[in-house]
C-alpha atoms as a PDB file:
ATOM      1  CA  MET A   1     -26.018  10.746 -17.057  1.00  0.00           C
ATOM      2  CA  ILE A   2     -28.382  10.036 -14.176  1.00  0.00           C
ATOM      3  CA  LEU A   3     -27.633   6.259 -14.473  1.00  0.00           C
ATOM      4  CA  THR A   4     -23.929   6.940 -14.181  1.00  0.00           C
ATOM      5  CA  LYS A   5     -24.537   8.896 -11.070  1.00  0.00           C
ATOM      6  CA  ILE A   6     -26.735   6.157  -9.586  1.00  0.00           C
ATOM      7  CA  PHE A   7     -24.085   3.464 -10.354  1.00  0.00           C
ATOM      8  CA  ALA A   8     -21.291   5.640  -8.887  1.00  0.00           C
ATOM      9  CA  TYR A   9     -23.371   6.079  -5.656  1.00  0.00           C
ATOM     10  CA  LEU A  10     -24.092   2.354  -5.446  1.00  0.00           C
ATOM     11  CA  ARG A  11     -20.329   1.669  -6.040  1.00  0.00           C
ATOM     12  CA  ALA A  12     -19.552   4.049  -3.248  1.00  0.00           C
ATOM     13  CA  LEU A  13     -22.097   2.411  -0.885  1.00  0.00           C
ATOM     14  CA  ARG A  14     -20.452  -1.041  -1.626  1.00  0.00           C
ATOM     15  CA  ILE A  15     -16.955   0.394  -0.852  1.00  0.00           C
ATOM     16  CA  GLN A  16     -18.378   1.907   2.406  1.00  0.00           C
ATOM     17  CA  TYR A  17     -19.835  -1.408   3.414  1.00  0.00           C
ATOM     18  CA  GLN A  18     -16.706  -3.304   2.683  1.00  0.00           C
ATOM     19  CA  THR A  19     -14.568  -0.870   4.607  1.00  0.00           C
ATOM     20  CA  GLN A  20     -16.881  -1.057   7.624  1.00  0.00           C
ATOM     21  CA  ASN A  21     -16.814  -4.811   7.516  1.00  0.00           C
ATOM     22  CA  ALA A  22     -13.020  -4.900   7.303  1.00  0.00           C
ATOM     23  CA  LEU A  23     -12.482  -2.477  10.059  1.00  0.00           C
ATOM     24  CA  SER A  24     -14.970  -4.047  12.304  1.00  0.00           C
ATOM     25  CA  LYS A  25     -13.093  -7.351  12.180  1.00  0.00           C
ATOM     26  CA  LEU A  26      -9.982  -5.734  13.676  1.00  0.00           C
ATOM     27  CA  ASP A  27      -9.629  -5.911  17.391  1.00  0.00           C
ATOM     28  CA  HIS A  28      -8.995  -2.784  19.582  1.00  0.00           C
ATOM     29  CA  ARG A  29      -5.315  -3.029  19.435  1.00  0.00           C
ATOM     30  CA  GLU A  30      -5.134  -3.372  15.739  1.00  0.00           C
ATOM     31  CA  LEU A  31      -7.440  -0.352  15.379  1.00  0.00           C
ATOM     32  CA  ALA A  32      -5.161   1.659  17.762  1.00  0.00           C
ATOM     33  CA  ASP A  33      -2.184   0.656  15.683  1.00  0.00           C
ATOM     34  CA  ILE A  34      -3.671   2.510  12.711  1.00  0.00           C
ATOM     35  CA  GLY A  35      -4.833   5.406  14.849  1.00  0.00           C
ATOM     36  CA  LEU A  36      -8.542   4.563  15.102  1.00  0.00           C
ATOM     37  CA  ASN A  37     -11.114   3.479  17.656  1.00  0.00           C
ATOM     38  CA  ARG A  38     -14.288   1.557  17.200  1.00  0.00           C
ATOM     39  CA  ASP A  39     -16.385   4.841  17.289  1.00  0.00           C
ATOM     40  CA  GLN A  40     -14.681   6.105  14.168  1.00  0.00           C
ATOM     41  CA  ILE A  41     -15.392   3.166  11.821  1.00  0.00           C
ATOM     42  CA  ASP A  42     -18.513   4.539  10.212  1.00  0.00           C
ATOM     43  CA  ASP A  43     -17.022   7.961   9.573  1.00  0.00           C
ATOM     44  CA  VAL A  44     -13.780   6.596   8.154  1.00  0.00           C
ATOM     45  CA  ALA A  45     -15.710   4.163   5.945  1.00  0.00           C
ATOM     46  CA  HIS A  46     -17.928   7.044   4.667  1.00  0.00           C
ATOM     47  CA  ARG A  47     -14.964   9.204   3.879  1.00  0.00           C
ATOM     48  CA  VAL A  48     -13.151   6.353   2.103  1.00  0.00           C
ATOM     49  CA  ALA A  49     -16.237   5.687  -0.013  1.00  0.00           C
ATOM     50  CA  PHE A  50     -17.393   9.283  -0.777  1.00  0.00           C
ATOM     51  CA  GLY A  51     -14.185  11.215  -0.274  1.00  0.00           C
ATOM     52  CA  HIS A  52     -15.477  13.663   2.177  1.00  0.00           C
END
């Protein structure tokens, strides 16, 4: 049970990291096209990964 939670958490961290990397590669115009700015990348990546 605890191992399942640990692996789920690690999986979510990986998703967060991948999302941050993908969004960071976009330029300002591309981010604006999807309704984001650079200051929101960390928050969006966290919500994608952890669903909050």
